[in-house]
Amino acid sequence: MRLAKFLAHAGVASRRAAEGIVREGRVTVGSEIVLDPARDVDEASGVRVDGAPVNIEAEHVVYLVNKPAGVVSTAKDTHGRRVVTELVDAGLRLYPVGRLDADTTGLILLTNDGELANRLMHPRHEVPRTYVAKVHGGFVKNRALERLREGVELDDGRTAPAQVRQVRPGVLELTIREGRKRKVKRMCEAVGHRVLSLRRVAFGPLELGRLPEGQARKLTPREVRALRGVAGPPKLPRSPRRA
């Protein structure tokens, strides 16, 4: 198995992120630093990341977490802030699927299945994410709502159309299918309504429901199957070229 794929299957990171970890010189095989993500390895190769041994977990799991404000969506934080992985006591190495800003609350997934995480976050699968945003200025006029539905121009390009409804004056529910940095906040600002608070309430087929803030629950096999359904099929290995 290729090194990057091995790291993804072990839950270290998505395959793309694992390739970056390898190229940064953080991975050793045996006693050798390896910089090639395509290096062939197996369980007996002695793979380590930052000196810690890496093994493929026997079971892949997915947890749904209700992230509080102030918790960062990473496995580690150099500034000593609380990280989202601390909210799950699973005895496994878990990593977040995508990110939420530190001040954004709500649904985030943690898993040790790097391959699934990579598929869920890949732009081609357009997995929907639903947010509830409380915005400055109170009632949002229809023209601003229509602009959000049609797509607005941001500094990194025009957004795809969003599903938007005003739950009550100054509170919007938005469903988007692309994951740009701070996208919902920037969209709302672009139509004249700064976001005061933001909570993610759904990801693909999963809803946050009544899970208390700061709590987590393990997904059922049925929920994992539904999640895999929206993530698209696994990427098949390339067939060897014929001479």
Protein backbone atom coordinates (compact mmCIF):
# COMPACT_ATOMS: atom_id res chain seq x y z
CA MET A 1 0.00 0.00 0.00
CA ARG A 2 1.26 3.49 -0.80
CA LEU A 3 2.46 5.47 2.19
CA ALA A 4 -0.10 8.30 1.88
CA LYS A 5 -2.93 5.78 1.58
CA PHE A 6 -1.57 3.86 4.59
CA LEU A 7 -1.61 7.06 6.68
CA ALA A 8 -5.15 7.85 5.53
CA HIS A 9 -6.39 4.36 6.40
CA ALA A 10 -4.73 4.70 9.80
CA GLY A 11 -6.69 7.89 10.43
CA VAL A 12 -3.67 10.20 10.51
CA ALA A 13 -5.18 12.55 7.92
CA SER A 14 -6.93 12.57 4.57
CA ARG A 15 -4.82 11.22 1.74
CA ARG A 16 -4.09 14.69 0.38
CA ALA A 17 -3.09 15.99 3.83
CA ALA A 18 -1.02 12.84 4.41
CA GLU A 19 0.97 13.58 1.26
CA GLY A 20 1.86 16.98 2.74
CA ILE A 21 2.88 15.40 6.05
CA VAL A 22 5.23 13.06 4.20
CA ARG A 23 6.80 15.82 2.12
CA GLU A 24 7.42 17.84 5.30
CA GLY A 25 9.78 15.08 6.47
CA ARG A 26 7.62 14.08 9.44
CA VAL A 27 7.32 10.41 8.47
CA THR A 28 9.85 7.65 8.98
CA VAL A 29 9.75 4.08 7.71
CA GLY A 30 12.01 1.98 9.88
CA SER A 31 14.75 4.45 10.76
CA GLU A 32 14.61 6.29 7.41
CA ILE A 33 12.89 9.63 6.78
CA VAL A 34 10.71 9.12 3.69
CA LEU A 35 9.64 12.03 1.47
CA ASP A 36 7.84 10.02 -1.21
CA PRO A 37 4.08 9.55 -0.51
CA ALA A 38 4.02 6.72 -3.07
CA ARG A 39 6.50 4.57 -1.13
CA ASP A 40 5.11 1.05 -0.62
CA VAL A 41 4.60 0.10 3.05
CA ASP A 42 2.62 -2.33 5.18
CA GLU A 43 1.91 -2.97 8.87
CA ALA A 44 5.37 -4.47 9.36
CA SER A 45 7.22 -1.46 7.87
CA GLY A 46 7.50 0.49 11.13
CA VAL A 47 5.77 3.68 9.97
CA ARG A 48 5.98 6.61 12.39
CA VAL A 49 4.68 10.19 12.25
CA ASP A 50 6.53 12.70 14.43
CA GLY A 51 8.09 9.71 16.18
CA ALA A 52 4.76 8.07 17.09
CA PRO A 53 4.02 4.62 15.63
CA VAL A 54 1.18 4.38 13.13
CA ASN A 55 -1.00 1.32 12.74
CA ILE A 56 -4.18 0.76 10.79
CA GLU A 57 -7.06 0.61 13.22
CA ALA A 58 -9.11 -2.57 13.28
CA GLU A 59 -12.36 -0.59 13.23
CA HIS A 60 -13.28 2.61 11.46
CA VAL A 61 -15.63 4.82 13.46
CA VAL A 62 -17.35 8.18 13.00
CA TYR A 63 -18.49 10.45 15.83
CA LEU A 64 -20.88 13.39 15.59
CA VAL A 65 -19.88 16.23 17.91
CA ASN A 66 -21.68 19.42 18.93
CA LYS A 67 -18.70 21.78 19.02
CA PRO A 68 -18.86 24.68 21.49
CA ALA A 69 -17.47 28.14 20.74
CA GLY A 70 -13.77 28.54 21.52
CA VAL A 71 -12.88 24.94 20.64
CA VAL A 72 -10.66 24.62 17.56
CA SER A 73 -11.30 22.03 14.85
CA THR A 74 -7.90 20.40 14.81
CA ALA A 75 -6.27 17.40 16.46
CA LYS A 76 -3.53 19.61 17.97
CA ASP A 77 -3.15 23.32 18.71
CA THR A 78 0.17 25.11 19.14
CA HIS A 79 -1.47 27.89 21.20
CA GLY A 80 -2.77 25.60 23.92
CA ARG A 81 -6.44 26.01 23.04
CA ARG A 82 -8.91 23.18 23.59
CA VAL A 83 -9.26 20.99 20.49
CA VAL A 84 -12.35 19.19 19.25
CA THR A 85 -10.79 15.73 19.57
CA GLU A 86 -10.72 16.21 23.35
CA LEU A 87 -14.53 16.03 23.34
CA VAL A 88 -14.50 12.31 22.42
CA ASP A 89 -13.06 9.66 24.71
CA ALA A 90 -12.88 6.82 22.20
CA GLY A 91 -9.38 5.48 22.86
CA LEU A 92 -8.65 5.98 19.15
CA ARG A 93 -6.73 8.52 17.09
CA LEU A 94 -9.52 10.67 15.63
CA TYR A 95 -9.38 13.60 13.24
CA PRO A 96 -12.00 16.20 12.26
CA VAL A 97 -13.73 16.05 8.89
CA GLY A 98 -13.14 19.59 7.66
CA ARG A 99 -13.14 22.57 10.01
CA LEU A 100 -15.36 25.06 11.76
CA ASP A 101 -14.09 28.45 12.90
CA ALA A 102 -13.31 28.63 16.61
CA ASP A 103 -16.36 30.85 17.21
CA THR A 104 -18.68 28.69 15.07
CA THR A 105 -20.63 26.05 16.94
CA GLY A 106 -22.49 22.90 15.99
CA LEU A 107 -22.06 19.72 14.01
CA ILE A 108 -18.61 18.43 13.18
CA LEU A 109 -17.57 14.85 12.46
CA LEU A 110 -14.54 13.05 13.89
CA THR A 111 -13.25 9.82 12.38
CA ASN A 112 -10.24 7.56 12.07
CA ASP A 113 -11.20 6.78 8.46
CA GLY A 114 -9.01 9.15 6.45
CA GLU A 115 -10.29 7.84 3.13
CA LEU A 116 -13.91 8.62 4.04
CA ALA A 117 -12.94 12.06 5.36
CA ASN A 118 -11.17 12.86 2.11
CA ARG A 119 -14.20 11.83 0.03
CA LEU A 120 -16.61 13.83 2.17
CA MET A 121 -14.55 17.00 1.78
CA HIS A 122 -13.77 16.63 -1.93
CA PRO A 123 -15.48 19.42 -3.92
CA ARG A 124 -16.76 17.07 -6.62
CA HIS A 125 -19.18 15.36 -4.22
CA GLU A 126 -20.84 18.64 -3.14
CA VAL A 127 -21.91 17.29 0.26
CA PRO A 128 -24.49 19.78 1.63
CA ARG A 129 -23.87 21.61 4.91
CA THR A 130 -26.62 23.55 6.65
CA TYR A 131 -26.03 26.50 8.99
CA VAL A 132 -28.17 28.80 11.11
CA ALA A 133 -26.80 32.35 11.15
CA LYS A 134 -27.93 35.22 13.35
CA VAL A 135 -27.07 38.40 11.45
CA HIS A 136 -26.69 42.07 12.28
CA GLY A 137 -29.38 44.45 11.08
CA GLY A 138 -32.47 42.46 11.85
CA PHE A 139 -34.88 41.63 9.03
CA VAL A 140 -33.13 40.60 5.81
CA LYS A 141 -34.84 41.94 2.71
CA ASN A 142 -35.92 39.69 -0.14
CA ARG A 143 -33.35 41.14 -2.55
CA ALA A 144 -30.50 40.16 -0.21
CA LEU A 145 -31.95 36.65 0.14
CA GLU A 146 -32.20 36.35 -3.64
CA ARG A 147 -28.57 37.39 -4.04
CA LEU A 148 -27.54 34.62 -1.65
CA ARG A 149 -29.66 32.12 -3.59
CA GLU A 150 -28.18 33.21 -6.91
CA GLY A 151 -24.58 33.39 -5.70
CA VAL A 152 -22.55 36.42 -4.64
CA GLU A 153 -19.16 37.67 -5.76
CA LEU A 154 -16.40 37.20 -3.16
CA ASP A 155 -12.68 37.98 -3.37
CA ASP A 156 -11.97 34.35 -4.33
CA GLY A 157 -14.75 34.07 -6.92
CA ARG A 158 -18.49 33.83 -7.18
CA THR A 159 -20.27 31.45 -4.82
CA ALA A 160 -22.50 28.65 -6.02
CA PRO A 161 -26.24 29.15 -5.45
CA ALA A 162 -27.32 28.46 -1.86
CA GLN A 163 -30.60 27.40 -0.34
CA VAL A 164 -31.65 30.19 2.01
CA ARG A 165 -34.69 30.93 4.15
CA GLN A 166 -35.32 33.47 6.88
CA VAL A 167 -36.38 31.48 9.94
CA ARG A 168 -37.32 34.68 11.74
CA PRO A 169 -36.20 38.30 11.34
CA GLY A 170 -32.40 38.36 11.37
CA VAL A 171 -31.97 34.57 11.53
CA LEU A 172 -31.11 32.72 8.32
CA GLU A 173 -30.85 29.03 7.50
CA LEU A 174 -28.37 28.46 4.67
CA THR A 175 -27.42 25.24 2.89
CA ILE A 176 -24.23 25.29 0.82
CA ARG A 177 -22.38 22.63 -1.15
CA GLU A 178 -18.86 24.04 -1.34
CA GLY A 179 -16.40 24.46 1.48
CA ARG A 180 -14.51 27.71 1.17
CA LYS A 181 -12.95 29.36 4.22
CA ARG A 182 -15.46 31.44 6.22
CA LYS A 183 -17.84 31.21 3.27
CA VAL A 184 -21.17 31.70 5.07
CA LYS A 185 -19.85 34.70 7.01
CA ARG A 186 -18.44 36.30 3.87
CA MET A 187 -21.64 35.66 1.90
CA CYS A 188 -23.76 37.38 4.52
CA GLU A 189 -21.33 40.30 4.78
CA ALA A 190 -21.47 40.67 1.00
CA VAL A 191 -25.21 41.37 1.16
CA GLY A 192 -24.85 43.79 4.08
CA HIS A 193 -25.49 41.56 7.09
CA ARG A 194 -22.55 40.73 9.35
CA VAL A 195 -22.85 37.36 11.10
CA LEU A 196 -23.22 37.60 14.87
CA SER A 197 -23.34 33.86 15.55
CA LEU A 198 -23.13 30.77 13.37
CA ARG A 199 -24.10 27.17 14.07
CA ARG A 200 -23.88 24.17 11.75
CA VAL A 201 -26.98 22.03 12.14
CA ALA A 202 -26.61 19.43 9.37
CA PHE A 203 -23.90 17.73 7.33
CA GLY A 204 -25.04 15.54 4.43
CA PRO A 205 -27.76 13.19 5.78
CA LEU A 206 -26.87 13.90 9.43
CA GLU A 207 -28.59 16.44 11.69
CA LEU A 208 -27.35 17.88 14.96
CA GLY A 209 -30.70 17.33 16.64
CA ARG A 210 -30.82 17.75 20.40
CA LEU A 211 -27.27 16.63 21.15
CA PRO A 212 -26.06 18.89 24.00
CA GLU A 213 -23.22 21.31 23.30
CA GLY A 214 -19.83 19.76 24.02
CA GLN A 215 -21.20 16.22 23.71
CA ALA A 216 -20.57 13.53 21.10
CA ARG A 217 -22.19 10.33 19.90
CA LYS A 218 -20.96 7.47 17.75
CA LEU A 219 -22.78 7.09 14.45
CA THR A 220 -24.84 3.96 13.92
CA PRO A 221 -23.93 1.59 11.05
CA ARG A 222 -26.97 2.89 9.14
CA GLU A 223 -25.81 6.49 9.54
CA VAL A 224 -22.29 5.60 8.39
CA ARG A 225 -23.74 3.89 5.30
CA ALA A 226 -25.78 7.00 4.54
CA LEU A 227 -22.67 9.15 4.96
CA ARG A 228 -20.71 6.92 2.61
CA GLY A 229 -23.56 7.23 0.13
CA VAL A 230 -23.17 11.01 -0.17
CA ALA A 231 -19.36 10.76 -0.13
CA GLY A 232 -19.29 8.97 -3.47
CA PRO A 233 -17.46 5.75 -4.31
CA PRO A 234 -13.87 5.19 -3.19
CA LYS A 235 -11.23 6.11 -5.71
CA LEU A 236 -10.13 2.99 -7.54
CA PRO A 237 -6.41 2.31 -8.02
CA ARG A 238 -5.07 3.07 -11.45
CA SER A 239 -4.53 0.19 -13.77
CA PRO A 240 -0.92 -0.30 -14.79
CA ARG A 241 -0.09 1.11 -18.22
CA ARG A 242 0.63 -1.31 -20.95
CA ALA A 243 3.93 -1.04 -22.69
